[in-house]
Protein backbone atom coordinates (compact mmCIF):
# COMPACT_ATOMS: atom_id res chain seq x y z
CA MET A 1 0.00 0.00 0.00
CA ARG A 2 2.81 2.41 0.88
CA GLY A 3 4.52 1.71 -2.47
CA LYS A 4 1.34 2.69 -4.34
CA LYS A 5 1.18 6.00 -2.43
CA ILE A 6 4.79 6.81 -3.31
CA LEU A 7 4.20 5.90 -6.96
CA TRP A 8 1.03 8.00 -7.01
CA LEU A 9 2.75 11.04 -5.42
CA THR A 10 5.69 10.69 -7.82
CA ALA A 11 3.33 10.64 -10.80
CA ILE A 12 1.44 13.71 -9.54
CA THR A 13 4.68 15.58 -8.89
CA PHE A 14 5.95 14.72 -12.38
CA TRP A 15 2.79 15.93 -14.15
CA MET A 16 2.62 19.11 -12.10
CA SER A 17 6.22 19.86 -13.11
CA VAL A 18 5.36 19.27 -16.77
CA LEU A 19 2.38 21.61 -16.52
CA LEU A 20 4.40 24.35 -14.82
CA VAL A 21 7.17 24.15 -17.41
CA GLY A 22 4.56 24.35 -20.15
CA CYS A 23 3.18 27.57 -18.65
CA ALA A 24 6.60 29.23 -18.44
CA SER A 25 7.71 31.76 -21.01
CA SER A 26 8.82 29.97 -24.16
CA ASN A 27 11.64 32.31 -25.06
CA SER A 28 14.16 34.71 -23.59
CA PRO A 29 14.12 38.48 -24.15
CA ALA A 30 17.16 38.20 -26.48
CA ASP A 31 15.48 35.39 -28.46
CA ALA A 32 12.36 37.52 -28.83
CA VAL A 33 14.39 40.30 -30.48
CA VAL A 34 16.17 37.89 -32.83
CA ARG A 35 12.86 36.30 -33.86
CA TYR A 36 11.36 39.77 -34.42
CA LEU A 37 14.31 40.78 -36.61
CA GLU A 38 14.00 37.54 -38.59
CA ALA A 39 10.31 38.27 -39.20
CA ILE A 40 11.17 41.80 -40.36
CA VAL A 41 13.74 40.63 -42.92
CA ASP A 42 11.42 37.80 -44.01
CA LYS A 43 8.85 40.55 -44.68
CA ASP A 44 6.38 38.60 -42.56
CA VAL A 45 4.18 41.38 -41.18
CA VAL A 46 1.90 38.96 -39.34
CA ALA A 47 4.80 37.25 -37.52
CA ALA A 48 6.42 40.62 -36.74
CA ALA A 49 3.16 41.84 -35.20
CA ASN A 50 2.69 38.58 -33.27
CA LEU A 51 6.21 38.89 -31.86
CA SER A 52 5.51 42.47 -30.75
CA CYS A 53 3.77 43.84 -27.70
CA LEU A 54 0.32 45.26 -28.28
CA ALA A 55 1.62 48.84 -28.24
CA TRP A 56 4.21 48.09 -30.97
CA GLU A 57 2.06 46.08 -33.43
CA GLU A 58 1.42 48.96 -35.85
CA ASP A 59 5.11 49.83 -35.88
CA ALA A 60 5.94 46.18 -36.57
CA TYR A 61 3.60 46.16 -39.58
CA ALA A 62 5.21 49.36 -40.88
CA GLU A 63 8.75 48.12 -40.29
CA ALA A 64 8.20 44.75 -42.01
CA SER A 65 6.37 46.45 -44.89
CA SER A 66 9.21 48.93 -45.41
CA PHE A 67 11.40 46.12 -46.81
CA GLU A 68 8.79 44.71 -49.23
CA THR A 69 10.51 45.93 -52.40
CA VAL A 70 14.14 45.31 -51.44
CA GLU A 71 16.35 42.31 -50.82
CA VAL A 72 17.16 42.17 -47.14
CA ARG A 73 19.07 39.83 -44.83
CA LEU A 74 20.53 39.60 -41.33
CA GLU A 75 24.27 39.23 -40.81
CA GLY A 76 26.12 38.27 -37.63
CA VAL A 77 23.19 38.84 -35.30
CA SER A 78 23.59 38.09 -31.62
CA CYS A 79 21.61 39.68 -28.81
CA GLN A 80 21.88 39.74 -25.03
CA VAL A 81 20.04 41.36 -22.15
CA ALA A 82 21.79 44.60 -21.24
CA GLU A 83 19.50 45.63 -18.38
CA GLU A 84 16.71 44.00 -16.40
CA GLU A 85 13.98 46.27 -15.06
CA VAL A 86 10.71 45.45 -13.34
CA ASP A 87 8.55 46.31 -16.36
CA TYR A 88 10.90 45.49 -19.26
CA GLN A 89 14.24 44.09 -20.36
CA ARG A 90 16.65 46.17 -22.43
CA VAL A 91 18.38 44.06 -25.09
CA SER A 92 21.44 45.06 -27.11
CA CYS A 93 22.46 43.35 -30.32
CA GLU A 94 25.46 43.07 -32.60
CA GLY A 95 25.27 42.47 -36.33
CA GLN A 96 23.29 44.22 -38.99
CA ILE A 97 20.39 44.24 -41.35
CA VAL A 98 21.68 44.45 -44.91
CA ALA A 99 19.24 45.92 -47.42
CA ASN A 100 20.05 45.86 -51.11
CA TYR A 101 18.73 48.90 -52.96
CA GLY A 102 19.27 48.71 -56.71
CA GLY A 103 22.31 46.44 -56.44
CA GLU A 104 23.94 48.40 -53.62
CA ASP A 105 24.04 47.08 -50.04
CA GLN A 106 23.13 49.41 -47.23
CA ASP A 107 24.05 48.25 -43.72
CA ILE A 108 21.75 49.02 -40.82
CA PRO A 109 23.85 48.31 -37.70
CA LEU A 110 21.86 46.84 -34.83
CA ALA A 111 24.29 48.21 -32.24
CA THR A 112 22.80 51.67 -32.91
CA ARG A 113 19.63 50.77 -31.01
CA ASP A 114 18.54 49.23 -27.73
CA PHE A 115 15.49 47.00 -27.96
CA TYR A 116 12.86 46.99 -25.23
CA VAL A 117 11.16 43.71 -24.49
CA VAL A 118 8.15 43.11 -22.24
CA GLU A 119 6.38 39.98 -21.11
CA GLU A 120 2.81 39.73 -22.39
CA SER A 121 0.60 36.65 -22.39
CA GLY A 122 3.44 34.53 -21.04
CA ASP A 123 5.93 35.37 -23.82
CA TRP A 124 8.62 37.98 -24.27
CA ARG A 125 7.65 40.46 -26.99
CA MET A 126 9.62 43.19 -28.72
CA CYS A 127 8.15 46.54 -27.73
CA GLY A 128 10.27 49.26 -29.35
CA TYR A 129 13.78 50.57 -29.53
CA SER A 130 15.82 53.70 -29.05
CA ALA A 131 19.41 54.92 -29.30
CA PRO A 132 21.69 52.92 -26.97
CA GLN A 133 22.08 54.05 -23.40
CA GLU A 134 25.56 54.82 -22.21
């Protein structure tokens, strides 16, 4: 009888752990920015909006749409959390977006902006950017 109780408690503990892990945020703040940038260069306005906080969705549509007529790619992108605040995470990135206008590449360095990421609906979402803080 005691063995059945231990087995039962072990099973309950296991499934509760699985449920809690499933409810945890599925990405990190840095991953959220990388996925947002990938959606932008893929010209996927729906994905860009879905990876954005509610307040940034219109900007995400505009940003993804701005590359519709040009060839664009990411090069050497890596991101990391630069600052953790109560309401947001500030993420800095290295690398660049390369846009080809009429056969000429134009580099858009990612180090020239800090990305702000917030947690909404259990996921980290890109929510804007500004010039880097010193």
